[in-house]
Structure formats: C-alpha cells, structure tokens
Amino acid sequence: MTDTTTHDAVIADWIAAANSHDVERFLSFFEADAVLDDPSVGEKFEGHEGIGAYFTSYFIGYDTQTRLLGVERRGDTEHVDVDFTGSFPGGQTGGIFDITFAGDRIAHVRADLS
C-alpha cells in the first residue's frame, strides 16, 4: 500500500497538472478504468476518454485554476479541499475531491462544488 505522504505528493502533482491544462499529463494520474463522479454537473465520467472530456469541458473550457487548501485521510479515501477560479459564472468557488487510489494511481474521484 502507498503511504499517505506519497498520496499527498501525487495529489499536489495532479493539481499542478490540472492547472497546466495538459490533458495527457492530467490523465496520466488515473487508472485506465477510473471513474470520476461529479454530482455538481450530474454525471459520472468513465475511463480516460470520459475523464478527458470532463477535464476539457470544465477545466480547460473555463480556464480553471485549482488551489489546494488541504488533504485529510478519511478511511480509504483522501478528502481534498480546493478553491477554483476561472471564467465560469461567479469566477470563484470552493470544491472537494474525494480520491480513492489503487497504488499511486487514482481509481475513483467524487468531485463536488462547495
């Protein structure tokens, strides 16, 4: 099992990849069959194709930048608090990612706005 310190580093690198708007780099953090569930947009995105479409629409499309506020271990999940800024309505909002890892890759993310 990968330790929490390693997960913290992976999460920080994953957010940096998101902020670079590099789709391939962002997807490299995910298992091939990973799922991203985002109730705030009412959809689940499956695999690299689905997660890539999500990332292109909501991160690249809105020029979203994500600031890491904190990470807390909750059972088998890393609860990540973030702040989003971008060209979406309002220009700023809080959010969370609840991330489940398979080794050092992301297997499942529940994303939501706060």
PDB file of N, CA and C in Angstrom:
ATOM      1  N   MET A   1       0.841  -1.195   0.000  1.00  0.00           N
ATOM      2  CA  MET A   1       0.000   0.000   0.000  1.00  0.00           C
ATOM      3  C   MET A   1       0.878   1.247   0.000  1.00  0.00           C
ATOM      4  N   THR A   2       0.496   2.234  -0.756  1.00  0.00           N
ATOM      5  CA  THR A   2       1.204   3.506  -0.820  1.00  0.00           C
ATOM      6  C   THR A   2       0.846   4.322   0.414  1.00  0.00           C
ATOM      7  N   ASP A   3       1.844   4.971   1.011  1.00  0.00           N
ATOM      8  CA  ASP A   3       1.545   5.724   2.234  1.00  0.00           C
ATOM      9  C   ASP A   3       0.941   7.083   1.938  1.00  0.00           C
ATOM     10  N   THR A   4       0.361   7.701   2.981  1.00  0.00           N
ATOM     11  CA  THR A   4      -0.345   8.971   2.840  1.00  0.00           C
ATOM     12  C   THR A   4       0.565  10.077   2.322  1.00  0.00           C
ATOM     13  N   THR A   5       1.841  10.091   2.752  1.00  0.00           N
ATOM     14  CA  THR A   5       2.771  11.116   2.286  1.00  0.00           C
ATOM     15  C   THR A   5       2.911  11.049   0.769  1.00  0.00           C
ATOM     16  N   THR A   6       2.994   9.835   0.226  1.00  0.00           N
ATOM     17  CA  THR A   6       3.086   9.671  -1.222  1.00  0.00           C
ATOM     18  C   THR A   6       1.811  10.159  -1.887  1.00  0.00           C
ATOM     19  N   HIS A   7       0.664   9.828  -1.307  1.00  0.00           N
ATOM     20  CA  HIS A   7      -0.607  10.303  -1.873  1.00  0.00           C
ATOM     21  C   HIS A   7      -0.666  11.821  -1.863  1.00  0.00           C
ATOM     22  N   ASP A   8      -0.197  12.459  -0.802  1.00  0.00           N
ATOM     23  CA  ASP A   8      -0.185  13.924  -0.746  1.00  0.00           C
ATOM     24  C   ASP A   8       0.636  14.498  -1.900  1.00  0.00           C
ATOM     25  N   ALA A   9       1.778  13.885  -2.179  1.00  0.00           N
ATOM     26  CA  ALA A   9       2.632  14.353  -3.274  1.00  0.00           C
ATOM     27  C   ALA A   9       1.942  14.129  -4.617  1.00  0.00           C
ATOM     28  N   VAL A  10       1.285  12.981  -4.787  1.00  0.00           N
ATOM     29  CA  VAL A  10       0.566  12.696  -6.034  1.00  0.00           C
ATOM     30  C   VAL A  10      -0.557  13.712  -6.228  1.00  0.00           C
ATOM     31  N   ILE A  11      -1.292  14.010  -5.161  1.00  0.00           N
ATOM     32  CA  ILE A  11      -2.390  14.979  -5.248  1.00  0.00           C
ATOM     33  C   ILE A  11      -1.865  16.357  -5.652  1.00  0.00           C
ATOM     34  N   ALA A  12      -0.769  16.789  -5.040  1.00  0.00           N
ATOM     35  CA  ALA A  12      -0.187  18.093  -5.394  1.00  0.00           C
ATOM     36  C   ALA A  12       0.254  18.110  -6.857  1.00  0.00           C
ATOM     37  N   ASP A  13       0.874  17.024  -7.322  1.00  0.00           N
ATOM     38  CA  ASP A  13       1.304  16.946  -8.722  1.00  0.00           C
ATOM     39  C   ASP A  13       0.109  16.893  -9.673  1.00  0.00           C
ATOM     40  N   TRP A  14      -0.961  16.188  -9.264  1.00  0.00           N
ATOM     41  CA  TRP A  14      -2.178  16.087 -10.073  1.00  0.00           C
ATOM     42  C   TRP A  14      -2.824  17.463 -10.239  1.00  0.00           C
ATOM     43  N   ILE A  15      -2.878  18.242  -9.165  1.00  0.00           N
ATOM     44  CA  ILE A  15      -3.443  19.594  -9.247  1.00  0.00           C
ATOM     45  C   ILE A  15      -2.566  20.485 -10.121  1.00  0.00           C
ATOM     46  N   ALA A  16      -1.260  20.341 -10.015  1.00  0.00           N
ATOM     47  CA  ALA A  16      -0.360  21.102 -10.894  1.00  0.00           C
ATOM     48  C   ALA A  16      -0.610  20.726 -12.357  1.00  0.00           C
ATOM     49  N   ALA A  17      -0.851  19.444 -12.620  1.00  0.00           N
ATOM     50  CA  ALA A  17      -1.166  19.004 -13.988  1.00  0.00           C
ATOM     51  C   ALA A  17      -2.478  19.616 -14.459  1.00  0.00           C
ATOM     52  N   ALA A  18      -3.474  19.663 -13.573  1.00  0.00           N
ATOM     53  CA  ALA A  18      -4.757  20.288 -13.921  1.00  0.00           C
ATOM     54  C   ALA A  18      -4.552  21.754 -14.279  1.00  0.00           C
ATOM     55  N   ASN A  19      -3.741  22.445 -13.506  1.00  0.00           N
ATOM     56  CA  ASN A  19      -3.516  23.872 -13.750  1.00  0.00           C
ATOM     57  C   ASN A  19      -2.718  24.137 -15.022  1.00  0.00           C
ATOM     58  N   SER A  20      -1.993  23.128 -15.505  1.00  0.00           N
ATOM     59  CA  SER A  20      -1.238  23.290 -16.752  1.00  0.00           C
ATOM     60  C   SER A  20      -2.133  23.115 -17.984  1.00  0.00           C
ATOM     61  N   HIS A  21      -3.357  22.575 -17.760  1.00  0.00           N
ATOM     62  CA  HIS A  21      -4.318  22.299 -18.836  1.00  0.00           C
ATOM     63  C   HIS A  21      -3.775  21.325 -19.871  1.00  0.00           C
ATOM     64  N   ASP A  22      -2.875  20.444 -19.440  1.00  0.00           N
ATOM     65  CA  ASP A  22      -2.303  19.403 -20.288  1.00  0.00           C
ATOM     66  C   ASP A  22      -3.107  18.126 -20.071  1.00  0.00           C
ATOM     67  N   VAL A  23      -3.954  17.770 -21.030  1.00  0.00           N
ATOM     68  CA  VAL A  23      -4.871  16.639 -20.883  1.00  0.00           C
ATOM     69  C   VAL A  23      -4.111  15.340 -20.635  1.00  0.00           C
ATOM     70  N   GLU A  24      -3.088  15.059 -21.419  1.00  0.00           N
ATOM     71  CA  GLU A  24      -2.345  13.803 -21.259  1.00  0.00           C
ATOM     72  C   GLU A  24      -1.680  13.714 -19.894  1.00  0.00           C
ATOM     73  N   ARG A  25      -1.084  14.799 -19.461  1.00  0.00           N
ATOM     74  CA  ARG A  25      -0.449  14.817 -18.132  1.00  0.00           C
ATOM     75  C   ARG A  25      -1.492  14.592 -17.040  1.00  0.00           C
ATOM     76  N   PHE A  26      -2.638  15.263 -17.138  1.00  0.00           N
ATOM     77  CA  PHE A  26      -3.715  15.108 -16.160  1.00  0.00           C
ATOM     78  C   PHE A  26      -4.184  13.654 -16.112  1.00  0.00           C
ATOM     79  N   LEU A  27      -4.420  13.050 -17.275  1.00  0.00           N
ATOM     80  CA  LEU A  27      -4.919  11.681 -17.335  1.00  0.00           C
ATOM     81  C   LEU A  27      -3.903  10.653 -16.866  1.00  0.00           C
ATOM     82  N   SER A  28      -2.623  10.980 -16.913  1.00  0.00           N
ATOM     83  CA  SER A  28      -1.591  10.022 -16.503  1.00  0.00           C
ATOM     84  C   SER A  28      -1.683   9.657 -15.020  1.00  0.00           C
ATOM     85  N   PHE A  29      -2.430  10.414 -14.247  1.00  0.00           N
ATOM     86  CA  PHE A  29      -2.591  10.130 -12.819  1.00  0.00           C
ATOM     87  C   PHE A  29      -3.690   9.098 -12.554  1.00  0.00           C
ATOM     88  N   PHE A  30      -4.492   8.776 -13.578  1.00  0.00           N
ATOM     89  CA  PHE A  30      -5.652   7.903 -13.420  1.00  0.00           C
ATOM     90  C   PHE A  30      -5.390   6.492 -13.932  1.00  0.00           C
ATOM     91  N   GLU A  31      -5.990   5.506 -13.263  1.00  0.00           N
ATOM     92  CA  GLU A  31      -6.084   4.156 -13.800  1.00  0.00           C
ATOM     93  C   GLU A  31      -6.865   4.241 -15.121  1.00  0.00           C
ATOM     94  N   ALA A  32      -6.636   3.324 -16.035  1.00  0.00           N
ATOM     95  CA  ALA A  32      -7.321   3.340 -17.328  1.00  0.00           C
ATOM     96  C   ALA A  32      -8.837   3.246 -17.181  1.00  0.00           C
ATOM     97  N   ASP A  33      -9.309   2.531 -16.147  1.00  0.00           N
ATOM     98  CA  ASP A  33     -10.754   2.344 -15.948  1.00  0.00           C
ATOM     99  C   ASP A  33     -11.301   3.179 -14.783  1.00  0.00           C
ATOM    100  N   ALA A  34     -10.598   4.245 -14.440  1.00  0.00           N
ATOM    101  CA  ALA A  34     -11.021   5.110 -13.335  1.00  0.00           C
ATOM    102  C   ALA A  34     -12.389   5.724 -13.614  1.00  0.00           C
ATOM    103  N   VAL A  35     -13.047   6.139 -12.535  1.00  0.00           N
ATOM    104  CA  VAL A  35     -14.346   6.808 -12.628  1.00  0.00           C
ATOM    105  C   VAL A  35     -14.254   8.131 -11.888  1.00  0.00           C
ATOM    106  N   LEU A  36     -14.787   9.180 -12.496  1.00  0.00           N
ATOM    107  CA  LEU A  36     -14.909  10.483 -11.851  1.00  0.00           C
ATOM    108  C   LEU A  36     -16.392  10.804 -11.792  1.00  0.00           C
ATOM    109  N   ASP A  37     -16.909  10.902 -10.579  1.00  0.00           N
ATOM    110  CA  ASP A  37     -18.329  11.169 -10.339  1.00  0.00           C
ATOM    111  C   ASP A  37     -18.446  12.608  -9.842  1.00  0.00           C
ATOM    112  N   ASP A  38     -19.153  13.442 -10.582  1.00  0.00           N
ATOM    113  CA  ASP A  38     -19.304  14.847 -10.189  1.00  0.00           C
ATOM    114  C   ASP A  38     -20.778  15.211 -10.121  1.00  0.00           C
ATOM    115  N   PRO A  39     -21.393  15.099  -8.918  1.00  0.00           N
ATOM    116  CA  PRO A  39     -22.808  15.444  -8.767  1.00  0.00           C
ATOM    117  C   PRO A  39     -23.124  16.894  -9.143  1.00  0.00           C
ATOM    118  N   SER A  40     -22.141  17.798  -9.034  1.00  0.00           N
ATOM    119  CA  SER A  40     -22.411  19.200  -9.355  1.00  0.00           C
ATOM    120  C   SER A  40     -22.716  19.396 -10.838  1.00  0.00           C
ATOM    121  N   VAL A  41     -22.266  18.474 -11.700  1.00  0.00           N
ATOM    122  CA  VAL A  41     -22.630  18.534 -13.115  1.00  0.00           C
ATOM    123  C   VAL A  41     -23.582  17.402 -13.490  1.00  0.00           C
ATOM    124  N   GLY A  42     -23.893  16.544 -12.522  1.00  0.00           N
ATOM    125  CA  GLY A  42     -24.889  15.496 -12.725  1.00  0.00           C
ATOM    126  C   GLY A  42     -24.438  14.335 -13.589  1.00  0.00           C
ATOM    127  N   GLU A  43     -23.123  14.066 -13.618  1.00  0.00           N
ATOM    128  CA  GLU A  43     -22.628  12.987 -14.472  1.00  0.00           C
ATOM    129  C   GLU A  43     -21.486  12.221 -13.824  1.00  0.00           C
ATOM    130  N   LYS A  44     -21.329  10.961 -14.279  1.00  0.00           N
ATOM    131  CA  LYS A  44     -20.151  10.152 -13.987  1.00  0.00           C
ATOM    132  C   LYS A  44     -19.370  10.023 -15.282  1.00  0.00           C
ATOM    133  N   PHE A  45     -18.062  10.127 -15.188  1.00  0.00           N
ATOM    134  CA  PHE A  45     -17.185  10.051 -16.347  1.00  0.00           C
ATOM    135  C   PHE A  45     -16.279   8.843 -16.169  1.00  0.00           C
ATOM    136  N   GLU A  46     -16.274   7.964 -17.170  1.00  0.00           N
ATOM    137  CA  GLU A  46     -15.569   6.691 -17.037  1.00  0.00           C
ATOM    138  C   GLU A  46     -14.384   6.600 -17.981  1.00  0.00           C
ATOM    139  N   GLY A  47     -13.283   6.081 -17.448  1.00  0.00           N
ATOM    140  CA  GLY A  47     -12.078   5.859 -18.237  1.00  0.00           C
ATOM    141  C   GLY A  47     -11.427   7.153 -18.681  1.00  0.00           C
ATOM    142  N   HIS A  48     -10.307   7.001 -19.351  1.00  0.00           N
ATOM    143  CA  HIS A  48      -9.572   8.184 -19.794  1.00  0.00           C
ATOM    144  C   HIS A  48     -10.386   9.026 -20.769  1.00  0.00           C
ATOM    145  N   GLU A  49     -11.172   8.379 -21.617  1.00  0.00           N
ATOM    146  CA  GLU A  49     -11.968   9.142 -22.592  1.00  0.00           C
ATOM    147  C   GLU A  49     -12.985  10.036 -21.881  1.00  0.00           C
ATOM    148  N   GLY A  50     -13.732   9.477 -20.948  1.00  0.00           N
ATOM    149  CA  GLY A  50     -14.742  10.254 -20.230  1.00  0.00           C
ATOM    150  C   GLY A  50     -14.136  11.323 -19.348  1.00  0.00           C
ATOM    151  N   ILE A  51     -13.092  10.955 -18.612  1.00  0.00           N
ATOM    152  CA  ILE A  51     -12.447  11.921 -17.709  1.00  0.00           C
ATOM    153  C   ILE A  51     -11.769  13.021 -18.523  1.00  0.00           C
ATOM    154  N   GLY A  52     -11.216  12.672 -19.677  1.00  0.00           N
ATOM    155  CA  GLY A  52     -10.618  13.684 -20.561  1.00  0.00           C
ATOM    156  C   GLY A  52     -11.658  14.677 -21.061  1.00  0.00           C
ATOM    157  N   ALA A  53     -12.855  14.187 -21.390  1.00  0.00           N
ATOM    158  CA  ALA A  53     -13.938  15.081 -21.823  1.00  0.00           C
ATOM    159  C   ALA A  53     -14.353  16.012 -20.693  1.00  0.00           C
ATOM    160  N   TYR A  54     -14.456  15.478 -19.476  1.00  0.00           N
ATOM    161  CA  TYR A  54     -14.775  16.286 -18.285  1.00  0.00           C
ATOM    162  C   TYR A  54     -13.724  17.379 -18.093  1.00  0.00           C
ATOM    163  N   PHE A  55     -12.464  16.990 -18.129  1.00  0.00           N
ATOM    164  CA  PHE A  55     -11.367  17.931 -17.917  1.00  0.00           C
ATOM    165  C   PHE A  55     -11.372  19.022 -18.991  1.00  0.00           C
ATOM    166  N   THR A  56     -11.575  18.635 -20.242  1.00  0.00           N
ATOM    167  CA  THR A  56     -11.599  19.604 -21.339  1.00  0.00           C
ATOM    168  C   THR A  56     -12.749  20.592 -21.177  1.00  0.00           C
ATOM    169  N   SER A  57     -13.927  20.092 -20.799  1.00  0.00           N
ATOM    170  CA  SER A  57     -15.099  20.964 -20.648  1.00  0.00           C
ATOM    171  C   SER A  57     -14.995  21.909 -19.463  1.00  0.00           C
ATOM    172  N   TYR A  58     -14.663  21.367 -18.309  1.00  0.00           N
ATOM    173  CA  TYR A  58     -14.788  22.136 -17.073  1.00  0.00           C
ATOM    174  C   TYR A  58     -13.496  22.788 -16.594  1.00  0.00           C
ATOM    175  N   PHE A  59     -12.361  22.297 -17.013  1.00  0.00           N
ATOM    176  CA  PHE A  59     -11.103  22.903 -16.583  1.00  0.00           C
ATOM    177  C   PHE A  59     -10.500  23.747 -17.699  1.00  0.00           C
ATOM    178  N   ILE A  60     -10.299  23.159 -18.860  1.00  0.00           N
ATOM    179  CA  ILE A  60      -9.749  23.935 -19.977  1.00  0.00           C
ATOM    180  C   ILE A  60     -10.787  24.935 -20.480  1.00  0.00           C
ATOM    181  N   GLY A  61     -12.037  24.486 -20.638  1.00  0.00           N
ATOM    182  CA  GLY A  61     -13.102  25.338 -21.171  1.00  0.00           C
ATOM    183  C   GLY A  61     -13.371  26.583 -20.355  1.00  0.00           C
ATOM    184  N   TYR A  62     -13.193  26.484 -19.041  1.00  0.00           N
ATOM    185  CA  TYR A  62     -13.424  27.632 -18.154  1.00  0.00           C
ATOM    186  C   TYR A  62     -12.117  28.219 -17.623  1.00  0.00           C
ATOM    187  N   ASP A  63     -10.996  27.840 -18.228  1.00  0.00           N
ATOM    188  CA  ASP A  63      -9.675  28.316 -17.793  1.00  0.00           C
ATOM    189  C   ASP A  63      -9.544  28.210 -16.270  1.00  0.00           C
ATOM    190  N   THR A  64      -9.972  27.060 -15.735  1.00  0.00           N
ATOM    191  CA  THR A  64      -9.999  26.848 -14.288  1.00  0.00           C
ATOM    192  C   THR A  64      -8.600  26.644 -13.729  1.00  0.00           C
ATOM    193  N   GLN A  65      -8.351  27.317 -12.621  1.00  0.00           N
ATOM    194  CA  GLN A  65      -7.140  27.118 -11.829  1.00  0.00           C
ATOM    195  C   GLN A  65      -7.584  26.612 -10.456  1.00  0.00           C
ATOM    196  N   THR A  66      -6.880  25.640  -9.952  1.00  0.00           N
ATOM    197  CA  THR A  66      -7.240  24.991  -8.696  1.00  0.00           C
ATOM    198  C   THR A  66      -6.153  25.239  -7.671  1.00  0.00           C
ATOM    199  N   ARG A  67      -6.575  25.669  -6.481  1.00  0.00           N
ATOM    200  CA  ARG A  67      -5.634  25.889  -5.375  1.00  0.00           C
ATOM    201  C   ARG A  67      -5.932  24.851  -4.297  1.00  0.00           C
ATOM    202  N   LEU A  68      -4.911  24.099  -3.928  1.00  0.00           N
ATOM    203  CA  LEU A  68      -5.030  23.080  -2.885  1.00  0.00           C
ATOM    204  C   LEU A  68      -5.093  23.754  -1.523  1.00  0.00           C
ATOM    205  N   LEU A  69      -6.154  23.441  -0.766  1.00  0.00           N
ATOM    206  CA  LEU A  69      -6.312  24.009   0.579  1.00  0.00           C
ATOM    207  C   LEU A  69      -5.953  23.010   1.668  1.00  0.00           C
ATOM    208  N   GLY A  70      -6.193  21.717   1.424  1.00  0.00           N
ATOM    209  CA  GLY A  70      -5.868  20.729   2.439  1.00  0.00           C
ATOM    210  C   GLY A  70      -6.250  19.324   2.012  1.00  0.00           C
ATOM    211  N   VAL A  71      -5.599  18.348   2.652  1.00  0.00           N
ATOM    212  CA  VAL A  71      -5.860  16.937   2.405  1.00  0.00           C
ATOM    213  C   VAL A  71      -6.047  16.259   3.753  1.00  0.00           C
ATOM    214  N   GLU A  72      -7.105  15.454   3.848  1.00  0.00           N
ATOM    215  CA  GLU A  72      -7.392  14.726   5.084  1.00  0.00           C
ATOM    216  C   GLU A  72      -7.736  13.283   4.739  1.00  0.00           C
ATOM    217  N   ARG A  73      -7.072  12.363   5.403  1.00  0.00           N
ATOM    218  CA  ARG A  73      -7.357  10.936   5.204  1.00  0.00           C
ATOM    219  C   ARG A  73      -8.682  10.595   5.871  1.00  0.00           C
ATOM    220  N   ARG A  74      -9.591   9.961   5.121  1.00  0.00           N
ATOM    221  CA  ARG A  74     -10.888   9.513   5.645  1.00  0.00           C
ATOM    222  C   ARG A  74     -11.085   8.066   5.222  1.00  0.00           C
ATOM    223  N   GLY A  75     -10.665   7.146   6.086  1.00  0.00           N
ATOM    224  CA  GLY A  75     -10.731   5.725   5.747  1.00  0.00           C
ATOM    225  C   GLY A  75      -9.816   5.428   4.578  1.00  0.00           C
ATOM    226  N   ASP A  76     -10.367   4.891   3.498  1.00  0.00           N
ATOM    227  CA  ASP A  76      -9.594   4.568   2.301  1.00  0.00           C
ATOM    228  C   ASP A  76      -9.564   5.706   1.292  1.00  0.00           C
ATOM    229  N   THR A  77     -10.068   6.854   1.687  1.00  0.00           N
ATOM    230  CA  THR A  77     -10.219   7.987   0.776  1.00  0.00           C
ATOM    231  C   THR A  77      -9.402   9.176   1.258  1.00  0.00           C
ATOM    232  N   GLU A  78      -8.854   9.918   0.304  1.00  0.00           N
ATOM    233  CA  GLU A  78      -8.203  11.193   0.601  1.00  0.00           C
ATOM    234  C   GLU A  78      -9.223  12.295   0.286  1.00  0.00           C
ATOM    235  N   HIS A  79      -9.601  13.046   1.311  1.00  0.00           N
ATOM    236  CA  HIS A  79     -10.548  14.154   1.141  1.00  0.00           C
ATOM    237  C   HIS A  79      -9.721  15.412   0.870  1.00  0.00           C
ATOM    238  N   VAL A  80      -9.942  16.013  -0.292  1.00  0.00           N
ATOM    239  CA  VAL A  80      -9.131  17.146  -0.741  1.00  0.00           C
ATOM    240  C   VAL A  80     -10.017  18.379  -0.854  1.00  0.00           C
ATOM    241  N   ASP A  81      -9.670  19.422  -0.104  1.00  0.00           N
ATOM    242  CA  ASP A  81     -10.366  20.708  -0.193  1.00  0.00           C
ATOM    243  C   ASP A  81      -9.597  21.610  -1.144  1.00  0.00           C
ATOM    244  N   VAL A  82     -10.336  22.262  -2.061  1.00  0.00           N
ATOM    245  CA  VAL A  82      -9.716  23.118  -3.063  1.00  0.00           C
ATOM    246  C   VAL A  82     -10.528  24.401  -3.250  1.00  0.00           C
ATOM    247  N   ASP A  83      -9.914  25.334  -3.927  1.00  0.00           N
ATOM    248  CA  ASP A  83     -10.562  26.564  -4.354  1.00  0.00           C
ATOM    249  C   ASP A  83     -10.367  26.662  -5.856  1.00  0.00           C
ATOM    250  N   PHE A  84     -11.461  26.921  -6.581  1.00  0.00           N
ATOM    251  CA  PHE A  84     -11.407  27.054  -8.036  1.00  0.00           C
ATOM    252  C   PHE A  84     -11.607  28.505  -8.440  1.00  0.00           C
ATOM    253  N   THR A  85     -10.817  28.974  -9.402  1.00  0.00           N
ATOM    254  CA  THR A  85     -11.053  30.257 -10.053  1.00  0.00           C
ATOM    255  C   THR A  85     -11.052  30.008 -11.556  1.00  0.00           C
ATOM    256  N   GLY A  86     -11.795  30.838 -12.287  1.00  0.00           N
ATOM    257  CA  GLY A  86     -11.841  30.675 -13.730  1.00  0.00           C
ATOM    258  C   GLY A  86     -12.882  31.578 -14.358  1.00  0.00           C
ATOM    259  N   SER A  87     -13.201  31.298 -15.615  1.00  0.00           N
ATOM    260  CA  SER A  87     -14.138  32.136 -16.354  1.00  0.00           C
ATOM    261  C   SER A  87     -15.585  31.640 -16.249  1.00  0.00           C
ATOM    262  N   PHE A  88     -15.863  30.753 -15.313  1.00  0.00           N
ATOM    263  CA  PHE A  88     -17.229  30.278 -15.066  1.00  0.00           C
ATOM    264  C   PHE A  88     -18.006  31.347 -14.306  1.00  0.00           C
ATOM    265  N   PRO A  89     -19.348  31.257 -14.284  1.00  0.00           N
ATOM    266  CA  PRO A  89     -20.145  32.265 -13.571  1.00  0.00           C
ATOM    267  C   PRO A  89     -19.703  32.419 -12.113  1.00  0.00           C
ATOM    268  N   GLY A  90     -19.470  33.642 -11.709  1.00  0.00           N
ATOM    269  CA  GLY A  90     -19.015  33.935 -10.351  1.00  0.00           C
ATOM    270  C   GLY A  90     -17.504  33.993 -10.228  1.00  0.00           C
ATOM    271  N   GLY A  91     -16.780  33.272 -11.070  1.00  0.00           N
ATOM    272  CA  GLY A  91     -15.324  33.355 -11.129  1.00  0.00           C
ATOM    273  C   GLY A  91     -14.554  32.674 -10.016  1.00  0.00           C
ATOM    274  N   GLN A  92     -15.229  32.217  -8.967  1.00  0.00           N
ATOM    275  CA  GLN A  92     -14.547  31.567  -7.839  1.00  0.00           C
ATOM    276  C   GLN A  92     -15.549  30.719  -7.079  1.00  0.00           C
ATOM    277  N   THR A  93     -15.097  29.538  -6.636  1.00  0.00           N
ATOM    278  CA  THR A  93     -15.916  28.677  -5.783  1.00  0.00           C
ATOM    279  C   THR A  93     -15.022  27.663  -5.086  1.00  0.00           C
ATOM    280  N   GLY A  94     -15.491  27.157  -3.991  1.00  0.00           N
ATOM    281  CA  GLY A  94     -14.789  26.081  -3.311  1.00  0.00           C
ATOM    282  C   GLY A  94     -15.210  24.744  -3.878  1.00  0.00           C
ATOM    283  N   GLY A  95     -14.447  23.721  -3.552  1.00  0.00           N
ATOM    284  CA  GLY A  95     -14.794  22.391  -4.017  1.00  0.00           C
ATOM    285  C   GLY A  95     -14.056  21.323  -3.247  1.00  0.00           C
ATOM    286  N   ILE A  96     -14.435  20.092  -3.515  1.00  0.00           N
ATOM    287  CA  ILE A  96     -13.777  18.943  -2.889  1.00  0.00           C
ATOM    288  C   ILE A  96     -13.541  17.861  -3.938  1.00  0.00           C
ATOM    289  N   PHE A  97     -12.543  17.055  -3.661  1.00  0.00           N
ATOM    290  CA  PHE A  97     -12.306  15.806  -4.360  1.00  0.00           C
ATOM    291  C   PHE A  97     -12.145  14.736  -3.288  1.00  0.00           C
ATOM    292  N   ASP A  98     -12.926  13.679  -3.349  1.00  0.00           N
ATOM    293  CA  ASP A  98     -12.703  12.504  -2.510  1.00  0.00           C
ATOM    294  C   ASP A  98     -12.074  11.464  -3.423  1.00  0.00           C
ATOM    295  N   ILE A  99     -10.804  11.162  -3.174  1.00  0.00           N
ATOM    296  CA  ILE A  99      -9.999  10.352  -4.086  1.00  0.00           C
ATOM    297  C   ILE A  99      -9.692   8.998  -3.456  1.00  0.00           C
ATOM    298  N   THR A 100      -9.933   7.943  -4.232  1.00  0.00           N
ATOM    299  CA  THR A 100      -9.536   6.592  -3.859  1.00  0.00           C
ATOM    300  C   THR A 100      -8.420   6.167  -4.804  1.00  0.00           C
ATOM    301  N   PHE A 101      -7.340   5.675  -4.228  1.00  0.00           N
ATOM    302  CA  PHE A 101      -6.174   5.276  -5.006  1.00  0.00           C
ATOM    303  C   PHE A 101      -6.108   3.769  -5.181  1.00  0.00           C
ATOM    304  N   ALA A 102      -5.498   3.352  -6.278  1.00  0.00           N
ATOM    305  CA  ALA A 102      -5.048   1.977  -6.492  1.00  0.00           C
ATOM    306  C   ALA A 102      -3.534   2.099  -6.638  1.00  0.00           C
ATOM    307  N   GLY A 103      -2.808   1.839  -5.557  1.00  0.00           N
ATOM    308  CA  GLY A 103      -1.370   2.102  -5.550  1.00  0.00           C
ATOM    309  C   GLY A 103      -1.147   3.599  -5.577  1.00  0.00           C
ATOM    310  N   ASP A 104      -0.419   4.082  -6.594  1.00  0.00           N
ATOM    311  CA  ASP A 104      -0.180   5.529  -6.696  1.00  0.00           C
ATOM    312  C   ASP A 104      -0.992   6.168  -7.820  1.00  0.00           C
ATOM    313  N   ARG A 105      -1.980   5.440  -8.357  1.00  0.00           N
ATOM    314  CA  ARG A 105      -2.864   5.976  -9.395  1.00  0.00           C
ATOM    315  C   ARG A 105      -4.269   6.163  -8.833  1.00  0.00           C
ATOM    316  N   ILE A 106      -4.975   7.111  -9.399  1.00  0.00           N
ATOM    317  CA  ILE A 106      -6.339   7.413  -8.968  1.00  0.00           C
ATOM    318  C   ILE A 106      -7.294   6.402  -9.606  1.00  0.00           C
ATOM    319  N   ALA A 107      -8.099   5.752  -8.753  1.00  0.00           N
ATOM    320  CA  ALA A 107      -9.086   4.783  -9.227  1.00  0.00           C
ATOM    321  C   ALA A 107     -10.490   5.389  -9.276  1.00  0.00           C
ATOM    322  N   HIS A 108     -10.783   6.282  -8.333  1.00  0.00           N
ATOM    323  CA  HIS A 108     -12.124   6.881  -8.261  1.00  0.00           C
ATOM    324  C   HIS A 108     -12.013   8.267  -7.649  1.00  0.00           C
ATOM    325  N   VAL A 109     -12.766   9.197  -8.200  1.00  0.00           N
ATOM    326  CA  VAL A 109     -12.868  10.550  -7.652  1.00  0.00           C
ATOM    327  C   VAL A 109     -14.340  10.919  -7.561  1.00  0.00           C
ATOM    328  N   ARG A 110     -14.735  11.417  -6.411  1.00  0.00           N
ATOM    329  CA  ARG A 110     -16.017  12.089  -6.282  1.00  0.00           C
ATOM    330  C   ARG A 110     -15.682  13.566  -6.159  1.00  0.00           C
ATOM    331  N   ALA A 111     -16.092  14.346  -7.145  1.00  0.00           N
ATOM    332  CA  ALA A 111     -15.806  15.777  -7.182  1.00  0.00           C
ATOM    333  C   ALA A 111     -17.106  16.520  -6.931  1.00  0.00           C
ATOM    334  N   ASP A 112     -17.024  17.629  -6.226  1.00  0.00           N
ATOM    335  CA  ASP A 112     -18.236  18.416  -5.987  1.00  0.00           C
ATOM    336  C   ASP A 112     -17.836  19.846  -5.655  1.00  0.00           C
ATOM    337  N   LEU A 113     -18.748  20.750  -5.909  1.00  0.00           N
ATOM    338  CA  LEU A 113     -18.559  22.141  -5.539  1.00  0.00           C
ATOM    339  C   LEU A 113     -19.087  22.341  -4.133  1.00  0.00           C
ATOM    340  N   SER A 114     -18.502  23.277  -3.411  1.00  0.00           N
ATOM    341  CA  SER A 114     -18.995  23.541  -2.053  1.00  0.00           C
ATOM    342  C   SER A 114     -19.675  24.881  -1.983  1.00  0.00           C
TER     343      SER A 114
END
